Amino acid sequence: MLWIKSFHIIFMVTWFAGLFYLPRLFVYHALCEDQPGKERFKVMERKLYYGIMTPSAVLTIVFGVWLWLGYGFSGAWLHAKITLVAVLILYHYYCGKYVTTFKNDANQHGHVFYRWFNEFPVLILFAVVILVVIKPDLPHLIY
């Protein structure tokens, strides 16, 4: 199972690298005013999203489920983690929508929006790492 855990972590890191970098590309793309630059960003965004991020997301989830089934993890911390992963999958989906929006030259947001959008996966990463490492007894935290 240590191999499975290793692959889960490797693909999670790769996925997060894309989740951090793609919205940064959106920032620069939103600021770009020349057509050759815009076309370059379209290629970079497409390759990052479809070539790196999406396969990494799928493999992160596959190895995560494999770990879950193999170790039989349970508890409120796991439910919280799975909820955050679901939110991250939704964020990933929205990144794909923005890739398509830029591809079609239909972007409606400025660079400031994408700067804020870029910060969201950092919050998720903090929460997930704390949940996995500390495995807090969440019901006791509520009272």
N, C-alpha and C. Protein backbone atom coordinates (compact mmCIF):
# COMPACT_ATOMS: atom_id res chain seq x y z
N MET A 1 0.82 -1.21 0.00
CA MET A 1 0.00 0.00 0.00
C MET A 1 0.86 1.26 0.00
N LEU A 2 2.12 1.15 0.39
CA LEU A 2 2.97 2.33 0.39
C LEU A 2 3.20 2.85 -1.03
N TRP A 3 3.25 1.94 -2.02
CA TRP A 3 3.36 2.37 -3.41
C TRP A 3 2.12 3.16 -3.82
N ILE A 4 0.98 2.68 -3.42
CA ILE A 4 -0.29 3.35 -3.76
C ILE A 4 -0.33 4.72 -3.10
N LYS A 5 0.08 4.79 -1.85
CA LYS A 5 0.13 6.08 -1.15
C LYS A 5 1.10 7.04 -1.84
N SER A 6 2.25 6.51 -2.25
CA SER A 6 3.24 7.34 -2.95
C SER A 6 2.66 7.91 -4.24
N PHE A 7 2.02 7.05 -5.02
CA PHE A 7 1.42 7.54 -6.28
C PHE A 7 0.29 8.53 -6.02
N HIS A 8 -0.48 8.30 -4.99
CA HIS A 8 -1.55 9.24 -4.62
C HIS A 8 -0.95 10.62 -4.33
N ILE A 9 0.11 10.65 -3.56
CA ILE A 9 0.75 11.93 -3.21
C ILE A 9 1.39 12.58 -4.43
N ILE A 10 2.07 11.80 -5.26
CA ILE A 10 2.71 12.34 -6.46
C ILE A 10 1.68 12.99 -7.38
N PHE A 11 0.59 12.28 -7.65
CA PHE A 11 -0.42 12.84 -8.56
C PHE A 11 -1.18 14.00 -7.92
N MET A 12 -1.34 13.98 -6.60
CA MET A 12 -1.97 15.10 -5.91
C MET A 12 -1.10 16.36 -6.04
N VAL A 13 0.21 16.20 -5.87
CA VAL A 13 1.12 17.34 -6.01
C VAL A 13 1.08 17.87 -7.45
N THR A 14 1.07 16.98 -8.41
CA THR A 14 1.00 17.39 -9.81
C THR A 14 -0.31 18.11 -10.11
N TRP A 15 -1.40 17.58 -9.59
CA TRP A 15 -2.70 18.21 -9.79
C TRP A 15 -2.71 19.62 -9.18
N PHE A 16 -2.22 19.74 -7.96
CA PHE A 16 -2.20 21.04 -7.30
C PHE A 16 -1.26 22.02 -8.02
N ALA A 17 -0.16 21.53 -8.57
CA ALA A 17 0.72 22.42 -9.33
C ALA A 17 -0.08 23.07 -10.47
N GLY A 18 -0.88 22.26 -11.14
CA GLY A 18 -1.73 22.79 -12.20
C GLY A 18 -2.81 23.72 -11.68
N LEU A 19 -3.41 23.35 -10.54
CA LEU A 19 -4.46 24.19 -9.95
C LEU A 19 -3.91 25.54 -9.50
N PHE A 20 -2.63 25.58 -9.15
CA PHE A 20 -2.00 26.85 -8.78
C PHE A 20 -1.59 27.65 -10.03
N TYR A 21 -1.11 26.95 -11.05
CA TYR A 21 -0.53 27.64 -12.21
C TYR A 21 -1.58 28.08 -13.23
N LEU A 22 -2.59 27.27 -13.49
CA LEU A 22 -3.58 27.62 -14.52
C LEU A 22 -4.28 28.94 -14.23
N PRO A 23 -4.79 29.17 -13.02
CA PRO A 23 -5.40 30.48 -12.76
C PRO A 23 -4.40 31.63 -12.87
N ARG A 24 -3.13 31.37 -12.61
CA ARG A 24 -2.11 32.40 -12.81
C ARG A 24 -1.99 32.71 -14.29
N LEU A 25 -2.06 31.68 -15.14
CA LEU A 25 -2.09 31.92 -16.58
C LEU A 25 -3.31 32.76 -16.97
N PHE A 26 -4.45 32.50 -16.31
CA PHE A 26 -5.65 33.30 -16.58
C PHE A 26 -5.40 34.78 -16.26
N VAL A 27 -4.68 35.03 -15.17
CA VAL A 27 -4.35 36.42 -14.79
C VAL A 27 -3.60 37.09 -15.94
N TYR A 28 -2.55 36.42 -16.40
CA TYR A 28 -1.72 37.00 -17.46
C TYR A 28 -2.49 37.08 -18.78
N HIS A 29 -3.32 36.08 -19.04
CA HIS A 29 -4.12 36.08 -20.28
C HIS A 29 -5.11 37.25 -20.26
N ALA A 30 -5.72 37.49 -19.11
CA ALA A 30 -6.68 38.60 -19.00
C ALA A 30 -5.99 39.95 -19.20
N LEU A 31 -4.71 40.03 -18.85
CA LEU A 31 -3.94 41.27 -19.02
C LEU A 31 -3.38 41.43 -20.44
N CYS A 32 -3.29 40.33 -21.17
CA CYS A 32 -2.65 40.33 -22.49
C CYS A 32 -3.50 41.11 -23.50
N GLU A 33 -2.81 41.91 -24.31
CA GLU A 33 -3.53 42.72 -25.30
C GLU A 33 -3.17 42.38 -26.73
N ASP A 34 -2.10 41.62 -26.96
CA ASP A 34 -1.72 41.30 -28.35
C ASP A 34 -2.20 39.90 -28.72
N GLN A 35 -2.59 39.73 -29.96
CA GLN A 35 -3.17 38.46 -30.43
C GLN A 35 -2.18 37.29 -30.35
N PRO A 36 -0.92 37.47 -30.76
CA PRO A 36 0.01 36.33 -30.63
C PRO A 36 0.17 35.87 -29.17
N GLY A 37 0.18 36.81 -28.24
CA GLY A 37 0.26 36.46 -26.83
C GLY A 37 -0.97 35.70 -26.37
N LYS A 38 -2.14 36.16 -26.79
CA LYS A 38 -3.39 35.48 -26.43
C LYS A 38 -3.40 34.05 -26.96
N GLU A 39 -2.94 33.87 -28.19
CA GLU A 39 -2.91 32.52 -28.77
C GLU A 39 -1.94 31.62 -28.02
N ARG A 40 -0.82 32.17 -27.58
CA ARG A 40 0.16 31.40 -26.80
C ARG A 40 -0.45 30.95 -25.48
N PHE A 41 -1.19 31.86 -24.82
CA PHE A 41 -1.83 31.49 -23.56
C PHE A 41 -2.88 30.40 -23.77
N LYS A 42 -3.61 30.46 -24.87
CA LYS A 42 -4.62 29.44 -25.16
C LYS A 42 -3.98 28.06 -25.25
N VAL A 43 -2.84 27.97 -25.92
CA VAL A 43 -2.13 26.70 -26.05
C VAL A 43 -1.64 26.21 -24.69
N MET A 44 -1.04 27.12 -23.92
CA MET A 44 -0.52 26.74 -22.60
C MET A 44 -1.65 26.27 -21.69
N GLU A 45 -2.76 27.00 -21.68
CA GLU A 45 -3.89 26.64 -20.82
C GLU A 45 -4.48 25.28 -21.21
N ARG A 46 -4.64 25.06 -22.52
CA ARG A 46 -5.20 23.79 -23.00
C ARG A 46 -4.30 22.62 -22.63
N LYS A 47 -3.01 22.76 -22.89
CA LYS A 47 -2.08 21.66 -22.60
C LYS A 47 -1.99 21.38 -21.10
N LEU A 48 -1.98 22.44 -20.30
CA LEU A 48 -1.92 22.25 -18.85
C LEU A 48 -3.18 21.56 -18.33
N TYR A 49 -4.34 22.04 -18.78
CA TYR A 49 -5.60 21.49 -18.26
C TYR A 49 -5.83 20.05 -18.72
N TYR A 50 -5.71 19.82 -20.03
CA TYR A 50 -6.03 18.49 -20.55
C TYR A 50 -4.86 17.51 -20.49
N GLY A 51 -3.64 18.01 -20.57
CA GLY A 51 -2.49 17.12 -20.61
C GLY A 51 -1.89 16.78 -19.26
N ILE A 52 -2.07 17.67 -18.29
CA ILE A 52 -1.44 17.45 -16.97
C ILE A 52 -2.48 17.41 -15.86
N MET A 53 -3.28 18.47 -15.74
CA MET A 53 -4.19 18.58 -14.60
C MET A 53 -5.26 17.49 -14.56
N THR A 54 -5.95 17.29 -15.67
CA THR A 54 -7.06 16.33 -15.65
C THR A 54 -6.58 14.90 -15.44
N PRO A 55 -5.53 14.44 -16.15
CA PRO A 55 -5.04 13.09 -15.83
C PRO A 55 -4.55 12.97 -14.38
N SER A 56 -3.90 14.02 -13.87
CA SER A 56 -3.43 13.99 -12.49
C SER A 56 -4.59 13.94 -11.50
N ALA A 57 -5.66 14.68 -11.79
CA ALA A 57 -6.85 14.65 -10.93
C ALA A 57 -7.46 13.25 -10.91
N VAL A 58 -7.60 12.66 -12.08
CA VAL A 58 -8.19 11.32 -12.16
C VAL A 58 -7.34 10.32 -11.40
N LEU A 59 -6.02 10.37 -11.60
CA LEU A 59 -5.14 9.41 -10.93
C LEU A 59 -5.08 9.66 -9.42
N THR A 60 -5.16 10.92 -9.01
CA THR A 60 -5.22 11.23 -7.57
C THR A 60 -6.45 10.56 -6.95
N ILE A 61 -7.57 10.70 -7.62
CA ILE A 61 -8.82 10.12 -7.10
C ILE A 61 -8.77 8.60 -7.13
N VAL A 62 -8.26 8.02 -8.20
CA VAL A 62 -8.17 6.55 -8.31
C VAL A 62 -7.30 6.00 -7.17
N PHE A 63 -6.12 6.57 -6.97
CA PHE A 63 -5.23 6.07 -5.92
C PHE A 63 -5.78 6.40 -4.53
N GLY A 64 -6.50 7.51 -4.41
CA GLY A 64 -7.14 7.84 -3.12
C GLY A 64 -8.22 6.85 -2.75
N VAL A 65 -9.04 6.48 -3.72
CA VAL A 65 -10.09 5.47 -3.47
C VAL A 65 -9.45 4.13 -3.15
N TRP A 66 -8.38 3.80 -3.86
CA TRP A 66 -7.66 2.55 -3.61
C TRP A 66 -7.14 2.53 -2.17
N LEU A 67 -6.57 3.64 -1.71
CA LEU A 67 -6.11 3.73 -0.32
C LEU A 67 -7.27 3.57 0.65
N TRP A 68 -8.35 4.24 0.37
CA TRP A 68 -9.53 4.19 1.23
C TRP A 68 -10.02 2.74 1.37
N LEU A 69 -10.12 2.05 0.24
CA LEU A 69 -10.57 0.65 0.27
C LEU A 69 -9.54 -0.25 0.95
N GLY A 70 -8.27 0.03 0.72
CA GLY A 70 -7.22 -0.81 1.29
C GLY A 70 -7.04 -0.65 2.78
N TYR A 71 -7.12 0.58 3.26
CA TYR A 71 -6.91 0.85 4.68
C TYR A 71 -8.22 0.88 5.46
N GLY A 72 -9.32 1.11 4.78
CA GLY A 72 -10.60 1.17 5.48
C GLY A 72 -10.73 2.38 6.39
N PHE A 73 -10.14 3.51 5.97
CA PHE A 73 -10.24 4.74 6.76
C PHE A 73 -11.69 5.08 7.03
N SER A 74 -11.93 5.70 8.18
CA SER A 74 -13.27 6.18 8.50
C SER A 74 -13.14 7.33 9.48
N GLY A 75 -14.22 7.98 9.72
CA GLY A 75 -14.23 9.08 10.69
C GLY A 75 -14.66 10.38 10.05
N ALA A 76 -14.96 11.33 10.90
CA ALA A 76 -15.44 12.63 10.43
C ALA A 76 -14.38 13.36 9.63
N TRP A 77 -13.09 13.19 9.96
CA TRP A 77 -12.02 13.83 9.21
C TRP A 77 -12.05 13.39 7.76
N LEU A 78 -12.34 12.09 7.52
CA LEU A 78 -12.38 11.58 6.16
C LEU A 78 -13.58 12.15 5.40
N HIS A 79 -14.71 12.26 6.08
CA HIS A 79 -15.89 12.85 5.43
C HIS A 79 -15.60 14.30 5.05
N ALA A 80 -14.92 15.02 5.93
CA ALA A 80 -14.56 16.42 5.64
C ALA A 80 -13.59 16.47 4.47
N LYS A 81 -12.62 15.57 4.45
CA LYS A 81 -11.65 15.55 3.35
C LYS A 81 -12.34 15.26 2.03
N ILE A 82 -13.21 14.26 2.01
CA ILE A 82 -13.91 13.91 0.78
C ILE A 82 -14.78 15.07 0.30
N THR A 83 -15.39 15.77 1.23
CA THR A 83 -16.17 16.95 0.86
C THR A 83 -15.28 18.00 0.21
N LEU A 84 -14.11 18.23 0.80
CA LEU A 84 -13.18 19.22 0.23
C LEU A 84 -12.66 18.77 -1.13
N VAL A 85 -12.43 17.48 -1.31
CA VAL A 85 -12.00 16.97 -2.61
C VAL A 85 -13.12 17.18 -3.64
N ALA A 86 -14.36 16.98 -3.23
CA ALA A 86 -15.49 17.25 -4.14
C ALA A 86 -15.52 18.72 -4.54
N VAL A 87 -15.27 19.60 -3.60
CA VAL A 87 -15.21 21.04 -3.89
C VAL A 87 -14.05 21.32 -4.85
N LEU A 88 -12.94 20.65 -4.65
CA LEU A 88 -11.78 20.82 -5.52
C LEU A 88 -12.08 20.33 -6.94
N ILE A 89 -12.82 19.25 -7.05
CA ILE A 89 -13.22 18.76 -8.37
C ILE A 89 -14.11 19.79 -9.07
N LEU A 90 -14.99 20.43 -8.32
CA LEU A 90 -15.83 21.49 -8.87
C LEU A 90 -14.96 22.67 -9.32
N TYR A 91 -13.97 23.04 -8.53
CA TYR A 91 -13.03 24.10 -8.89
C TYR A 91 -12.29 23.73 -10.18
N HIS A 92 -11.85 22.49 -10.27
CA HIS A 92 -11.18 21.98 -11.47
C HIS A 92 -12.10 22.14 -12.69
N TYR A 93 -13.35 21.78 -12.52
CA TYR A 93 -14.34 21.92 -13.58
C TYR A 93 -14.45 23.38 -14.03
N TYR A 94 -14.51 24.30 -13.08
CA TYR A 94 -14.59 25.72 -13.42
C TYR A 94 -13.33 26.20 -14.13
N CYS A 95 -12.18 25.66 -13.76
CA CYS A 95 -10.96 25.98 -14.49
C CYS A 95 -11.12 25.59 -15.96
N GLY A 96 -11.69 24.42 -16.19
CA GLY A 96 -11.94 23.97 -17.57
C GLY A 96 -12.90 24.88 -18.31
N LYS A 97 -13.92 25.36 -17.61
CA LYS A 97 -14.86 26.30 -18.23
C LYS A 97 -14.15 27.59 -18.63
N TYR A 98 -13.23 28.06 -17.77
CA TYR A 98 -12.48 29.28 -18.10
C TYR A 98 -11.50 29.04 -19.25
N VAL A 99 -10.93 27.84 -19.34
CA VAL A 99 -10.08 27.51 -20.49
C VAL A 99 -10.90 27.66 -21.77
N THR A 100 -12.10 27.13 -21.76
CA THR A 100 -12.99 27.23 -22.92
C THR A 100 -13.40 28.67 -23.20
N THR A 101 -13.67 29.41 -22.14
CA THR A 101 -14.05 30.82 -22.29
C THR A 101 -12.93 31.60 -22.97
N PHE A 102 -11.70 31.41 -22.52
CA PHE A 102 -10.56 32.10 -23.15
C PHE A 102 -10.35 31.61 -24.58
N LYS A 103 -10.51 30.30 -24.79
CA LYS A 103 -10.35 29.72 -26.14
C LYS A 103 -11.29 30.40 -27.13
N ASN A 104 -12.52 30.69 -26.67
CA ASN A 104 -13.53 31.31 -27.53
C ASN A 104 -13.49 32.83 -27.49
N ASP A 105 -12.46 33.40 -26.87
CA ASP A 105 -12.33 34.86 -26.75
C ASP A 105 -13.57 35.49 -26.13
N ALA A 106 -14.11 34.82 -25.11
CA ALA A 106 -15.34 35.29 -24.47
C ALA A 106 -15.14 35.60 -22.98
N ASN A 107 -13.92 35.85 -22.57
CA ASN A 107 -13.65 36.14 -21.16
C ASN A 107 -14.37 37.41 -20.72
N GLN A 108 -15.04 37.32 -19.57
CA GLN A 108 -15.77 38.47 -19.02
C GLN A 108 -15.14 38.99 -17.73
N HIS A 109 -14.06 38.37 -17.27
CA HIS A 109 -13.45 38.73 -15.99
C HIS A 109 -12.11 39.42 -16.20
N GLY A 110 -11.78 40.28 -15.26
CA GLY A 110 -10.49 40.95 -15.27
C GLY A 110 -9.45 40.15 -14.50
N HIS A 111 -8.23 40.65 -14.53
CA HIS A 111 -7.13 39.95 -13.87
C HIS A 111 -7.32 39.88 -12.36
N VAL A 112 -8.01 40.84 -11.75
CA VAL A 112 -8.21 40.82 -10.30
C VAL A 112 -9.09 39.63 -9.90
N PHE A 113 -10.13 39.36 -10.68
CA PHE A 113 -10.97 38.19 -10.41
C PHE A 113 -10.13 36.91 -10.39
N TYR A 114 -9.28 36.76 -11.40
CA TYR A 114 -8.46 35.54 -11.47
C TYR A 114 -7.39 35.49 -10.37
N ARG A 115 -6.95 36.64 -9.90
CA ARG A 115 -6.01 36.64 -8.77
C ARG A 115 -6.69 36.07 -7.52
N TRP A 116 -7.93 36.45 -7.29
CA TRP A 116 -8.68 35.89 -6.15
C TRP A 116 -9.04 34.43 -6.39
N PHE A 117 -9.45 34.12 -7.61
CA PHE A 117 -9.78 32.74 -7.98
C PHE A 117 -8.58 31.84 -7.74
N ASN A 118 -7.38 32.34 -7.97
CA ASN A 118 -6.14 31.60 -7.83
C ASN A 118 -5.85 31.20 -6.38
N GLU A 119 -6.41 31.92 -5.43
CA GLU A 119 -6.10 31.65 -4.01
C GLU A 119 -6.91 30.49 -3.43
N PHE A 120 -8.01 30.15 -4.04
CA PHE A 120 -8.92 29.16 -3.47
C PHE A 120 -8.27 27.79 -3.23
N PRO A 121 -7.52 27.22 -4.19
CA PRO A 121 -6.96 25.89 -3.92
C PRO A 121 -5.95 25.88 -2.77
N VAL A 122 -5.36 27.03 -2.47
CA VAL A 122 -4.43 27.10 -1.33
C VAL A 122 -5.19 26.79 -0.04
N LEU A 123 -6.36 27.37 0.10
CA LEU A 123 -7.18 27.12 1.29
C LEU A 123 -7.57 25.66 1.41
N ILE A 124 -7.95 25.07 0.29
CA ILE A 124 -8.32 23.65 0.29
C ILE A 124 -7.12 22.78 0.66
N LEU A 125 -5.96 23.10 0.10
CA LEU A 125 -4.76 22.33 0.40
C LEU A 125 -4.43 22.37 1.89
N PHE A 126 -4.47 23.55 2.49
CA PHE A 126 -4.22 23.67 3.93
C PHE A 126 -5.16 22.78 4.72
N ALA A 127 -6.44 22.88 4.41
CA ALA A 127 -7.44 22.12 5.16
C ALA A 127 -7.26 20.61 4.99
N VAL A 128 -7.04 20.17 3.76
CA VAL A 128 -6.90 18.72 3.50
C VAL A 128 -5.66 18.16 4.19
N VAL A 129 -4.55 18.85 4.10
CA VAL A 129 -3.32 18.36 4.73
C VAL A 129 -3.50 18.27 6.25
N ILE A 130 -4.11 19.28 6.84
CA ILE A 130 -4.35 19.25 8.29
C ILE A 130 -5.28 18.09 8.65
N LEU A 131 -6.33 17.89 7.87
CA LEU A 131 -7.26 16.79 8.15
C LEU A 131 -6.56 15.44 8.06
N VAL A 132 -5.73 15.25 7.04
CA VAL A 132 -5.07 13.95 6.83
C VAL A 132 -3.99 13.69 7.87
N VAL A 133 -3.23 14.69 8.21
CA VAL A 133 -2.12 14.49 9.15
C VAL A 133 -2.61 14.41 10.59
N ILE A 134 -3.48 15.32 10.98
CA ILE A 134 -3.92 15.39 12.38
C ILE A 134 -5.11 14.47 12.66
N LYS A 135 -5.93 14.25 11.65
CA LYS A 135 -7.14 13.43 11.81
C LYS A 135 -7.93 13.86 13.05
N PRO A 136 -8.33 15.11 13.09
CA PRO A 136 -9.02 15.62 14.29
C PRO A 136 -10.36 14.93 14.51
N ASP A 137 -10.72 14.84 15.76
CA ASP A 137 -12.02 14.29 16.14
C ASP A 137 -13.03 15.44 16.01
N LEU A 138 -13.54 15.62 14.81
CA LEU A 138 -14.35 16.81 14.48
C LEU A 138 -15.58 17.01 15.34
N PRO A 139 -16.32 15.97 15.71
CA PRO A 139 -17.49 16.24 16.54
C PRO A 139 -17.13 16.92 17.87
N HIS A 140 -15.96 16.62 18.42
CA HIS A 140 -15.54 17.25 19.66
C HIS A 140 -15.12 18.70 19.46
N LEU A 141 -14.72 19.04 18.25
CA LEU A 141 -14.34 20.42 17.97
C LEU A 141 -15.56 21.34 17.93
N ILE A 142 -16.70 20.78 17.60
CA ILE A 142 -17.93 21.57 17.48
C ILE A 142 -18.42 22.02 18.85
N TYR A 143 -18.24 21.19 19.87
CA TYR A 143 -18.78 21.51 21.20
C TYR A 143 -17.84 22.32 22.01
